[in-house]
Amino acid sequence: MYKLTVFIPDEALEQVKSALFAAGAGSIGDYEQCCWQVQGTGQFMPLAGSAPHIGKQDSLETVDEWRVEMVVDDAFITAAVIALKEAHPYETPAYDVIKVLDF
């Protein structure tokens, strides 16, 4: 089992979550589409060579984003990360994948 965490801008929240759920993420026992989310503010500065979805090169940008966490079974983690990258509007989405140990 893995925990997937991703930062998503307001306007893309449901689209990215739906893509992740369709790829098999967010299932716990007899429940599906499970996640935890909280709103915050992201910050970044696009550099030369970037193609930012929001903001412009060499200018510090802040944006309202959602931190979304969900579990993903081993069998679906690759498909979930591919779905995340395809559905997310950012050129380089910020996400992490952590192995969850069950003792």
PDB file of N, CA and C in Angstrom:
ATOM      1  N   MET A   1       0.849  -1.179   0.000  1.00  0.00           N
ATOM      2  CA  MET A   1       0.000   0.000   0.000  1.00  0.00           C
ATOM      3  C   MET A   1       0.888   1.234   0.000  1.00  0.00           C
ATOM      4  N   TYR A   2       0.438   2.267  -0.682  1.00  0.00           N
ATOM      5  CA  TYR A   2       1.146   3.541  -0.742  1.00  0.00           C
ATOM      6  C   TYR A   2       0.209   4.667  -0.321  1.00  0.00           C
ATOM      7  N   LYS A   3       0.789   5.779   0.096  1.00  0.00           N
ATOM      8  CA  LYS A   3       0.029   7.009   0.287  1.00  0.00           C
ATOM      9  C   LYS A   3       0.524   7.988  -0.766  1.00  0.00           C
ATOM     10  N   LEU A   4      -0.396   8.512  -1.543  1.00  0.00           N
ATOM     11  CA  LEU A   4      -0.100   9.478  -2.585  1.00  0.00           C
ATOM     12  C   LEU A   4      -0.582  10.847  -2.122  1.00  0.00           C
ATOM     13  N   THR A   5       0.290  11.822  -2.167  1.00  0.00           N
ATOM     14  CA  THR A   5      -0.058  13.196  -1.818  1.00  0.00           C
ATOM     15  C   THR A   5       0.208  14.070  -3.037  1.00  0.00           C
ATOM     16  N   VAL A   6      -0.736  14.937  -3.374  1.00  0.00           N
ATOM     17  CA  VAL A   6      -0.589  15.815  -4.534  1.00  0.00           C
ATOM     18  C   VAL A   6      -1.171  17.188  -4.210  1.00  0.00           C
ATOM     19  N   PHE A   7      -0.604  18.209  -4.823  1.00  0.00           N
ATOM     20  CA  PHE A   7      -1.066  19.593  -4.644  1.00  0.00           C
ATOM     21  C   PHE A   7      -1.754  20.021  -5.934  1.00  0.00           C
ATOM     22  N   ILE A   8      -3.012  20.462  -5.807  1.00  0.00           N
ATOM     23  CA  ILE A   8      -3.874  20.698  -6.967  1.00  0.00           C
ATOM     24  C   ILE A   8      -4.504  22.087  -6.870  1.00  0.00           C
ATOM     25  N   PRO A   9      -4.461  22.892  -7.955  1.00  0.00           N
ATOM     26  CA  PRO A   9      -5.139  24.190  -7.908  1.00  0.00           C
ATOM     27  C   PRO A   9      -6.666  24.009  -7.867  1.00  0.00           C
ATOM     28  N   ASP A  10      -7.345  25.010  -7.305  1.00  0.00           N
ATOM     29  CA  ASP A  10      -8.796  24.960  -7.120  1.00  0.00           C
ATOM     30  C   ASP A  10      -9.550  24.427  -8.330  1.00  0.00           C
ATOM     31  N   GLU A  11      -9.289  25.002  -9.482  1.00  0.00           N
ATOM     32  CA  GLU A  11     -10.103  24.713 -10.668  1.00  0.00           C
ATOM     33  C   GLU A  11      -9.926  23.285 -11.187  1.00  0.00           C
ATOM     34  N   ALA A  12      -8.887  22.593 -10.758  1.00  0.00           N
ATOM     35  CA  ALA A  12      -8.622  21.241 -11.262  1.00  0.00           C
ATOM     36  C   ALA A  12      -8.843  20.163 -10.201  1.00  0.00           C
ATOM     37  N   LEU A  13      -9.318  20.544  -9.017  1.00  0.00           N
ATOM     38  CA  LEU A  13      -9.422  19.598  -7.904  1.00  0.00           C
ATOM     39  C   LEU A  13     -10.233  18.357  -8.269  1.00  0.00           C
ATOM     40  N   GLU A  14     -11.454  18.530  -8.713  1.00  0.00           N
ATOM     41  CA  GLU A  14     -12.329  17.386  -8.974  1.00  0.00           C
ATOM     42  C   GLU A  14     -11.852  16.570 -10.166  1.00  0.00           C
ATOM     43  N   GLN A  15     -11.311  17.225 -11.178  1.00  0.00           N
ATOM     44  CA  GLN A  15     -10.826  16.509 -12.366  1.00  0.00           C
ATOM     45  C   GLN A  15      -9.656  15.587 -12.014  1.00  0.00           C
ATOM     46  N   VAL A  16      -8.721  16.066 -11.204  1.00  0.00           N
ATOM     47  CA  VAL A  16      -7.563  15.245 -10.836  1.00  0.00           C
ATOM     48  C   VAL A  16      -7.997  14.118  -9.888  1.00  0.00           C
ATOM     49  N   LYS A  17      -8.827  14.426  -8.905  1.00  0.00           N
ATOM     50  CA  LYS A  17      -9.303  13.376  -8.005  1.00  0.00           C
ATOM     51  C   LYS A  17     -10.060  12.300  -8.780  1.00  0.00           C
ATOM     52  N   SER A  18     -10.911  12.689  -9.701  1.00  0.00           N
ATOM     53  CA  SER A  18     -11.669  11.715 -10.495  1.00  0.00           C
ATOM     54  C   SER A  18     -10.748  10.808 -11.297  1.00  0.00           C
ATOM     55  N   ALA A  19      -9.690  11.377 -11.876  1.00  0.00           N
ATOM     56  CA  ALA A  19      -8.727  10.583 -12.643  1.00  0.00           C
ATOM     57  C   ALA A  19      -8.002   9.587 -11.740  1.00  0.00           C
ATOM     58  N   LEU A  20      -7.643  10.024 -10.544  1.00  0.00           N
ATOM     59  CA  LEU A  20      -6.975   9.130  -9.595  1.00  0.00           C
ATOM     60  C   LEU A  20      -7.899   7.999  -9.155  1.00  0.00           C
ATOM     61  N   PHE A  21      -9.138   8.329  -8.823  1.00  0.00           N
ATOM     62  CA  PHE A  21     -10.095   7.309  -8.416  1.00  0.00           C
ATOM     63  C   PHE A  21     -10.337   6.309  -9.550  1.00  0.00           C
ATOM     64  N   ALA A  22     -10.449   6.788 -10.786  1.00  0.00           N
ATOM     65  CA  ALA A  22     -10.666   5.908 -11.943  1.00  0.00           C
ATOM     66  C   ALA A  22      -9.479   4.973 -12.161  1.00  0.00           C
ATOM     67  N   ALA A  23      -8.285   5.411 -11.732  1.00  0.00           N
ATOM     68  CA  ALA A  23      -7.076   4.595 -11.875  1.00  0.00           C
ATOM     69  C   ALA A  23      -6.906   3.606 -10.722  1.00  0.00           C
ATOM     70  N   GLY A  24      -7.832   3.602  -9.761  1.00  0.00           N
ATOM     71  CA  GLY A  24      -7.782   2.642  -8.668  1.00  0.00           C
ATOM     72  C   GLY A  24      -7.324   3.190  -7.340  1.00  0.00           C
ATOM     73  N   ALA A  25      -7.021   4.477  -7.279  1.00  0.00           N
ATOM     74  CA  ALA A  25      -6.577   5.081  -6.018  1.00  0.00           C
ATOM     75  C   ALA A  25      -7.780   5.353  -5.106  1.00  0.00           C
ATOM     76  N   GLY A  26      -7.504   5.453  -3.803  1.00  0.00           N
ATOM     77  CA  GLY A  26      -8.518   5.876  -2.850  1.00  0.00           C
ATOM     78  C   GLY A  26      -9.469   4.803  -2.370  1.00  0.00           C
ATOM     79  N   SER A  27      -9.088   3.544  -2.486  1.00  0.00           N
ATOM     80  CA  SER A  27      -9.942   2.463  -1.986  1.00  0.00           C
ATOM     81  C   SER A  27      -9.385   1.917  -0.681  1.00  0.00           C
ATOM     82  N   ILE A  28     -10.271   1.810   0.307  1.00  0.00           N
ATOM     83  CA  ILE A  28      -9.908   1.265   1.616  1.00  0.00           C
ATOM     84  C   ILE A  28     -11.001   0.283   2.008  1.00  0.00           C
ATOM     85  N   GLY A  29     -10.669  -1.009   2.014  1.00  0.00           N
ATOM     86  CA  GLY A  29     -11.670  -2.021   2.365  1.00  0.00           C
ATOM     87  C   GLY A  29     -12.880  -1.931   1.464  1.00  0.00           C
ATOM     88  N   ASP A  30     -14.062  -1.781   2.060  1.00  0.00           N
ATOM     89  CA  ASP A  30     -15.309  -1.702   1.303  1.00  0.00           C
ATOM     90  C   ASP A  30     -15.693  -0.266   0.956  1.00  0.00           C
ATOM     91  N   TYR A  31     -14.707   0.630   0.909  1.00  0.00           N
ATOM     92  CA  TYR A  31     -14.961   2.037   0.596  1.00  0.00           C
ATOM     93  C   TYR A  31     -14.110   2.447  -0.590  1.00  0.00           C
ATOM     94  N   GLU A  32     -14.631   3.346  -1.390  1.00  0.00           N
ATOM     95  CA  GLU A  32     -13.851   3.882  -2.507  1.00  0.00           C
ATOM     96  C   GLU A  32     -13.969   5.399  -2.527  1.00  0.00           C
ATOM     97  N   GLN A  33     -13.147   6.024  -3.356  1.00  0.00           N
ATOM     98  CA  GLN A  33     -13.076   7.480  -3.482  1.00  0.00           C
ATOM     99  C   GLN A  33     -12.777   8.136  -2.137  1.00  0.00           C
ATOM    100  N   CYS A  34     -11.902   7.499  -1.367  1.00  0.00           N
ATOM    101  CA  CYS A  34     -11.507   8.016  -0.055  1.00  0.00           C
ATOM    102  C   CYS A  34     -10.292   8.930  -0.226  1.00  0.00           C
ATOM    103  N   CYS A  35     -10.327  10.071   0.403  1.00  0.00           N
ATOM    104  CA  CYS A  35      -9.169  10.964   0.414  1.00  0.00           C
ATOM    105  C   CYS A  35      -9.305  11.937   1.572  1.00  0.00           C
ATOM    106  N   TRP A  36      -8.236  12.616   1.835  1.00  0.00           N
ATOM    107  CA  TRP A  36      -8.217  13.703   2.815  1.00  0.00           C
ATOM    108  C   TRP A  36      -7.687  14.904   2.080  1.00  0.00           C
ATOM    109  N   GLN A  37      -8.286  16.069   2.299  1.00  0.00           N
ATOM    110  CA  GLN A  37      -7.845  17.261   1.588  1.00  0.00           C
ATOM    111  C   GLN A  37      -7.950  18.484   2.478  1.00  0.00           C
ATOM    112  N   VAL A  38      -7.034  19.410   2.250  1.00  0.00           N
ATOM    113  CA  VAL A  38      -7.027  20.672   2.974  1.00  0.00           C
ATOM    114  C   VAL A  38      -6.512  21.756   2.029  1.00  0.00           C
ATOM    115  N   GLN A  39      -7.053  22.939   2.164  1.00  0.00           N
ATOM    116  CA  GLN A  39      -6.659  24.041   1.283  1.00  0.00           C
ATOM    117  C   GLN A  39      -5.509  24.829   1.891  1.00  0.00           C
ATOM    118  N   GLY A  40      -4.616  25.280   1.032  1.00  0.00           N
ATOM    119  CA  GLY A  40      -3.483  26.087   1.458  1.00  0.00           C
ATOM    120  C   GLY A  40      -2.997  26.948   0.300  1.00  0.00           C
ATOM    121  N   THR A  41      -1.818  27.496   0.457  1.00  0.00           N
ATOM    122  CA  THR A  41      -1.248  28.364  -0.569  1.00  0.00           C
ATOM    123  C   THR A  41       0.083  27.798  -1.029  1.00  0.00           C
ATOM    124  N   GLY A  42       0.190  27.583  -2.333  1.00  0.00           N
ATOM    125  CA  GLY A  42       1.441  27.120  -2.928  1.00  0.00           C
ATOM    126  C   GLY A  42       2.231  28.306  -3.465  1.00  0.00           C
ATOM    127  N   GLN A  43       3.528  28.124  -3.605  1.00  0.00           N
ATOM    128  CA  GLN A  43       4.408  29.184  -4.103  1.00  0.00           C
ATOM    129  C   GLN A  43       5.429  28.577  -5.065  1.00  0.00           C
ATOM    130  N   PHE A  44       5.725  29.288  -6.145  1.00  0.00           N
ATOM    131  CA  PHE A  44       6.717  28.821  -7.113  1.00  0.00           C
ATOM    132  C   PHE A  44       7.146  29.989  -7.999  1.00  0.00           C
ATOM    133  N   MET A  45       8.290  29.823  -8.637  1.00  0.00           N
ATOM    134  CA  MET A  45       8.769  30.794  -9.602  1.00  0.00           C
ATOM    135  C   MET A  45       9.162  30.048 -10.878  1.00  0.00           C
ATOM    136  N   PRO A  46       8.400  30.205 -11.962  1.00  0.00           N
ATOM    137  CA  PRO A  46       8.764  29.567 -13.220  1.00  0.00           C
ATOM    138  C   PRO A  46      10.089  30.124 -13.753  1.00  0.00           C
ATOM    139  N   LEU A  47      10.961  29.241 -14.184  1.00  0.00           N
ATOM    140  CA  LEU A  47      12.258  29.639 -14.713  1.00  0.00           C
ATOM    141  C   LEU A  47      12.257  29.619 -16.237  1.00  0.00           C
ATOM    142  N   ALA A  48      13.319  30.135 -16.825  1.00  0.00           N
ATOM    143  CA  ALA A  48      13.467  30.126 -18.275  1.00  0.00           C
ATOM    144  C   ALA A  48      13.323  28.699 -18.781  1.00  0.00           C
ATOM    145  N   GLY A  49      12.580  28.517 -19.850  1.00  0.00           N
ATOM    146  CA  GLY A  49      12.363  27.196 -20.416  1.00  0.00           C
ATOM    147  C   GLY A  49      11.082  26.542 -19.932  1.00  0.00           C
ATOM    148  N   SER A  50      10.450  27.120 -18.907  1.00  0.00           N
ATOM    149  CA  SER A  50       9.207  26.548 -18.387  1.00  0.00           C
ATOM    150  C   SER A  50       8.020  27.021 -19.227  1.00  0.00           C
ATOM    151  N   ALA A  51       6.910  26.295 -19.087  1.00  0.00           N
ATOM    152  CA  ALA A  51       5.650  26.676 -19.724  1.00  0.00           C
ATOM    153  C   ALA A  51       4.579  26.646 -18.633  1.00  0.00           C
ATOM    154  N   PRO A  52       4.566  27.645 -17.748  1.00  0.00           N
ATOM    155  CA  PRO A  52       3.680  27.592 -16.584  1.00  0.00           C
ATOM    156  C   PRO A  52       2.198  27.693 -16.938  1.00  0.00           C
ATOM    157  N   HIS A  53       1.406  26.908 -16.226  1.00  0.00           N
ATOM    158  CA  HIS A  53      -0.055  26.963 -16.344  1.00  0.00           C
ATOM    159  C   HIS A  53      -0.571  28.249 -15.694  1.00  0.00           C
ATOM    160  N   ILE A  54       0.093  28.651 -14.619  1.00  0.00           N
ATOM    161  CA  ILE A  54      -0.247  29.864 -13.874  1.00  0.00           C
ATOM    162  C   ILE A  54       1.032  30.661 -13.702  1.00  0.00           C
ATOM    163  N   GLY A  55       0.957  31.980 -13.827  1.00  0.00           N
ATOM    164  CA  GLY A  55       2.118  32.835 -13.612  1.00  0.00           C
ATOM    165  C   GLY A  55       2.959  33.002 -14.860  1.00  0.00           C
ATOM    166  N   LYS A  56       4.104  33.672 -14.671  1.00  0.00           N
ATOM    167  CA  LYS A  56       5.011  33.903 -15.796  1.00  0.00           C
ATOM    168  C   LYS A  56       6.442  33.700 -15.338  1.00  0.00           C
ATOM    169  N   GLN A  57       7.315  33.489 -16.282  1.00  0.00           N
ATOM    170  CA  GLN A  57       8.707  33.202 -15.976  1.00  0.00           C
ATOM    171  C   GLN A  57       9.345  34.323 -15.152  1.00  0.00           C
ATOM    172  N   ASP A  58      10.201  33.925 -14.232  1.00  0.00           N
ATOM    173  CA  ASP A  58      10.980  34.822 -13.379  1.00  0.00           C
ATOM    174  C   ASP A  58      10.135  35.724 -12.489  1.00  0.00           C
ATOM    175  N   SER A  59       8.910  35.291 -12.201  1.00  0.00           N
ATOM    176  CA  SER A  59       8.029  36.053 -11.322  1.00  0.00           C
ATOM    177  C   SER A  59       7.454  35.107 -10.272  1.00  0.00           C
ATOM    178  N   LEU A  60       7.664  35.453  -8.981  1.00  0.00           N
ATOM    179  CA  LEU A  60       7.159  34.622  -7.897  1.00  0.00           C
ATOM    180  C   LEU A  60       5.637  34.621  -7.933  1.00  0.00           C
ATOM    181  N   GLU A  61       5.064  33.436  -7.830  1.00  0.00           N
ATOM    182  CA  GLU A  61       3.619  33.261  -7.927  1.00  0.00           C
ATOM    183  C   GLU A  61       3.116  32.521  -6.694  1.00  0.00           C
ATOM    184  N   THR A  62       1.967  32.921  -6.181  1.00  0.00           N
ATOM    185  CA  THR A  62       1.286  32.157  -5.145  1.00  0.00           C
ATOM    186  C   THR A  62      -0.098  31.800  -5.685  1.00  0.00           C
ATOM    187  N   VAL A  63      -0.588  30.645  -5.271  1.00  0.00           N
ATOM    188  CA  VAL A  63      -1.866  30.164  -5.789  1.00  0.00           C
ATOM    189  C   VAL A  63      -2.559  29.317  -4.726  1.00  0.00           C
ATOM    190  N   ASP A  64      -3.884  29.447  -4.648  1.00  0.00           N
ATOM    191  CA  ASP A  64      -4.669  28.595  -3.760  1.00  0.00           C
ATOM    192  C   ASP A  64      -4.631  27.177  -4.317  1.00  0.00           C
ATOM    193  N   GLU A  65      -4.233  26.246  -3.478  1.00  0.00           N
ATOM    194  CA  GLU A  65      -4.139  24.853  -3.885  1.00  0.00           C
ATOM    195  C   GLU A  65      -4.720  23.959  -2.800  1.00  0.00           C
ATOM    196  N   TRP A  66      -5.004  22.728  -3.178  1.00  0.00           N
ATOM    197  CA  TRP A  66      -5.468  21.710  -2.253  1.00  0.00           C
ATOM    198  C   TRP A  66      -4.389  20.660  -2.088  1.00  0.00           C
ATOM    199  N   ARG A  67      -4.113  20.272  -0.862  1.00  0.00           N
ATOM    200  CA  ARG A  67      -3.257  19.124  -0.580  1.00  0.00           C
ATOM    201  C   ARG A  67      -4.211  17.946  -0.450  1.00  0.00           C
ATOM    202  N   VAL A  68      -4.071  16.979  -1.319  1.00  0.00           N
ATOM    203  CA  VAL A  68      -4.953  15.815  -1.342  1.00  0.00           C
ATOM    204  C   VAL A  68      -4.110  14.574  -1.087  1.00  0.00           C
ATOM    205  N   GLU A  69      -4.545  13.757  -0.123  1.00  0.00           N
ATOM    206  CA  GLU A  69      -3.854  12.518   0.211  1.00  0.00           C
ATOM    207  C   GLU A  69      -4.829  11.367   0.058  1.00  0.00           C
ATOM    208  N   MET A  70      -4.316  10.250  -0.469  1.00  0.00           N
ATOM    209  CA  MET A  70      -5.127   9.039  -0.573  1.00  0.00           C
ATOM    210  C   MET A  70      -4.218   7.826  -0.603  1.00  0.00           C
ATOM    211  N   VAL A  71      -4.760   6.691  -0.205  1.00  0.00           N
ATOM    212  CA  VAL A  71      -3.995   5.458  -0.288  1.00  0.00           C
ATOM    213  C   VAL A  71      -4.177   4.854  -1.674  1.00  0.00           C
ATOM    214  N   VAL A  72      -3.166   4.079  -2.071  1.00  0.00           N
ATOM    215  CA  VAL A  72      -3.197   3.400  -3.368  1.00  0.00           C
ATOM    216  C   VAL A  72      -2.598   2.010  -3.181  1.00  0.00           C
ATOM    217  N   ASP A  73      -3.330   0.999  -3.585  1.00  0.00           N
ATOM    218  CA  ASP A  73      -2.835  -0.373  -3.528  1.00  0.00           C
ATOM    219  C   ASP A  73      -1.634  -0.523  -4.465  1.00  0.00           C
ATOM    220  N   ASP A  74      -0.726  -1.423  -4.095  1.00  0.00           N
ATOM    221  CA  ASP A  74       0.468  -1.676  -4.907  1.00  0.00           C
ATOM    222  C   ASP A  74       0.127  -1.895  -6.381  1.00  0.00           C
ATOM    223  N   ALA A  75      -0.964  -2.596  -6.649  1.00  0.00           N
ATOM    224  CA  ALA A  75      -1.336  -2.945  -8.021  1.00  0.00           C
ATOM    225  C   ALA A  75      -1.725  -1.735  -8.864  1.00  0.00           C
ATOM    226  N   PHE A  76      -2.035  -0.599  -8.220  1.00  0.00           N
ATOM    227  CA  PHE A  76      -2.539   0.558  -8.954  1.00  0.00           C
ATOM    228  C   PHE A  76      -1.638   1.785  -8.908  1.00  0.00           C
ATOM    229  N   ILE A  77      -0.500   1.715  -8.206  1.00  0.00           N
ATOM    230  CA  ILE A  77       0.299   2.927  -8.001  1.00  0.00           C
ATOM    231  C   ILE A  77       0.853   3.494  -9.307  1.00  0.00           C
ATOM    232  N   THR A  78       1.325   2.647 -10.191  1.00  0.00           N
ATOM    233  CA  THR A  78       1.867   3.157 -11.461  1.00  0.00           C
ATOM    234  C   THR A  78       0.766   3.824 -12.275  1.00  0.00           C
ATOM    235  N   ALA A  79      -0.382   3.180 -12.390  1.00  0.00           N
ATOM    236  CA  ALA A  79      -1.503   3.759 -13.134  1.00  0.00           C
ATOM    237  C   ALA A  79      -1.977   5.062 -12.497  1.00  0.00           C
ATOM    238  N   ALA A  80      -1.955   5.125 -11.178  1.00  0.00           N
ATOM    239  CA  ALA A  80      -2.394   6.339 -10.486  1.00  0.00           C
ATOM    240  C   ALA A  80      -1.459   7.513 -10.770  1.00  0.00           C
ATOM    241  N   VAL A  81      -0.163   7.276 -10.738  1.00  0.00           N
ATOM    242  CA  VAL A  81       0.793   8.366 -11.013  1.00  0.00           C
ATOM    243  C   VAL A  81       0.674   8.812 -12.473  1.00  0.00           C
ATOM    244  N   ILE A  82       0.491   7.880 -13.382  1.00  0.00           N
ATOM    245  CA  ILE A  82       0.301   8.253 -14.798  1.00  0.00           C
ATOM    246  C   ILE A  82      -0.967   9.088 -14.939  1.00  0.00           C
ATOM    247  N   ALA A  83      -2.067   8.663 -14.309  1.00  0.00           N
ATOM    248  CA  ALA A  83      -3.331   9.404 -14.366  1.00  0.00           C
ATOM    249  C   ALA A  83      -3.184  10.800 -13.774  1.00  0.00           C
ATOM    250  N   LEU A  84      -2.458  10.892 -12.663  1.00  0.00           N
ATOM    251  CA  LEU A  84      -2.221  12.184 -12.025  1.00  0.00           C
ATOM    252  C   LEU A  84      -1.523  13.141 -12.990  1.00  0.00           C
ATOM    253  N   LYS A  85      -0.460  12.666 -13.628  1.00  0.00           N
ATOM    254  CA  LYS A  85       0.303  13.516 -14.544  1.00  0.00           C
ATOM    255  C   LYS A  85      -0.518  13.920 -15.770  1.00  0.00           C
ATOM    256  N   GLU A  86      -1.378  13.028 -16.246  1.00  0.00           N
ATOM    257  CA  GLU A  86      -2.210  13.336 -17.407  1.00  0.00           C
ATOM    258  C   GLU A  86      -3.341  14.308 -17.076  1.00  0.00           C
ATOM    259  N   ALA A  87      -3.910  14.218 -15.880  1.00  0.00           N
ATOM    260  CA  ALA A  87      -5.060  15.045 -15.509  1.00  0.00           C
ATOM    261  C   ALA A  87      -4.678  16.388 -14.903  1.00  0.00           C
ATOM    262  N   HIS A  88      -3.493  16.483 -14.332  1.00  0.00           N
ATOM    263  CA  HIS A  88      -3.077  17.697 -13.625  1.00  0.00           C
ATOM    264  C   HIS A  88      -2.714  18.794 -14.631  1.00  0.00           C
ATOM    265  N   PRO A  89      -3.148  20.032 -14.382  1.00  0.00           N
ATOM    266  CA  PRO A  89      -2.863  21.099 -15.343  1.00  0.00           C
ATOM    267  C   PRO A  89      -1.428  21.632 -15.313  1.00  0.00           C
ATOM    268  N   TYR A  90      -0.697  21.392 -14.225  1.00  0.00           N
ATOM    269  CA  TYR A  90       0.660  21.925 -14.129  1.00  0.00           C
ATOM    270  C   TYR A  90       1.623  21.147 -15.016  1.00  0.00           C
ATOM    271  N   GLU A  91       2.601  21.852 -15.541  1.00  0.00           N
ATOM    272  CA  GLU A  91       3.645  21.239 -16.349  1.00  0.00           C
ATOM    273  C   GLU A  91       4.392  20.178 -15.539  1.00  0.00           C
ATOM    274  N   THR A  92       4.671  20.490 -14.273  1.00  0.00           N
ATOM    275  CA  THR A  92       5.346  19.565 -13.365  1.00  0.00           C
ATOM    276  C   THR A  92       4.580  19.548 -12.043  1.00  0.00           C
ATOM    277  N   PRO A  93       3.607  18.644 -11.892  1.00  0.00           N
ATOM    278  CA  PRO A  93       2.843  18.625 -10.647  1.00  0.00           C
ATOM    279  C   PRO A  93       3.710  18.208  -9.458  1.00  0.00           C
ATOM    280  N   ALA A  94       3.419  18.807  -8.305  1.00  0.00           N
ATOM    281  CA  ALA A  94       4.116  18.431  -7.065  1.00  0.00           C
ATOM    282  C   ALA A  94       3.340  17.301  -6.406  1.00  0.00           C
ATOM    283  N   TYR A  95       4.023  16.170  -6.220  1.00  0.00           N
ATOM    284  CA  TYR A  95       3.386  15.027  -5.573  1.00  0.00           C
ATOM    285  C   TYR A  95       4.465  14.182  -4.911  1.00  0.00           C
ATOM    286  N   ASP A  96       4.040  13.331  -3.989  1.00  0.00           N
ATOM    287  CA  ASP A  96       4.963  12.345  -3.433  1.00  0.00           C
ATOM    288  C   ASP A  96       4.224  11.044  -3.201  1.00  0.00           C
ATOM    289  N   VAL A  97       4.983   9.966  -3.202  1.00  0.00           N
ATOM    290  CA  VAL A  97       4.474   8.626  -2.987  1.00  0.00           C
ATOM    291  C   VAL A  97       5.284   8.013  -1.849  1.00  0.00           C
ATOM    292  N   ILE A  98       4.564   7.556  -0.813  1.00  0.00           N
ATOM    293  CA  ILE A  98       5.220   6.991   0.362  1.00  0.00           C
ATOM    294  C   ILE A  98       4.700   5.575   0.585  1.00  0.00           C
ATOM    295  N   LYS A  99       5.606   4.640   0.781  1.00  0.00           N
ATOM    296  CA  LYS A  99       5.218   3.257   1.073  1.00  0.00           C
ATOM    297  C   LYS A  99       4.649   3.193   2.489  1.00  0.00           C
ATOM    298  N   VAL A 100       3.486   2.592   2.642  1.00  0.00           N
ATOM    299  CA  VAL A 100       2.840   2.439   3.937  1.00  0.00           C
ATOM    300  C   VAL A 100       3.054   1.005   4.407  1.00  0.00           C
ATOM    301  N   LEU A 101       3.627   0.866   5.585  1.00  0.00           N
ATOM    302  CA  LEU A 101       3.876  -0.453   6.151  1.00  0.00           C
ATOM    303  C   LEU A 101       2.750  -0.838   7.092  1.00  0.00           C
ATOM    304  N   ASP A 102       2.308  -2.072   7.008  1.00  0.00           N
ATOM    305  CA  ASP A 102       1.251  -2.570   7.873  1.00  0.00           C
ATOM    306  C   ASP A 102       1.829  -3.713   8.698  1.00  0.00           C
ATOM    307  N   PHE A 103       1.959  -3.510   9.999  1.00  0.00           N
ATOM    308  CA  PHE A 103       2.551  -4.513  10.881  1.00  0.00           C
ATOM    309  C   PHE A 103       1.471  -5.275  11.613  1.00  0.00           C
TER     310      PHE A 103
END
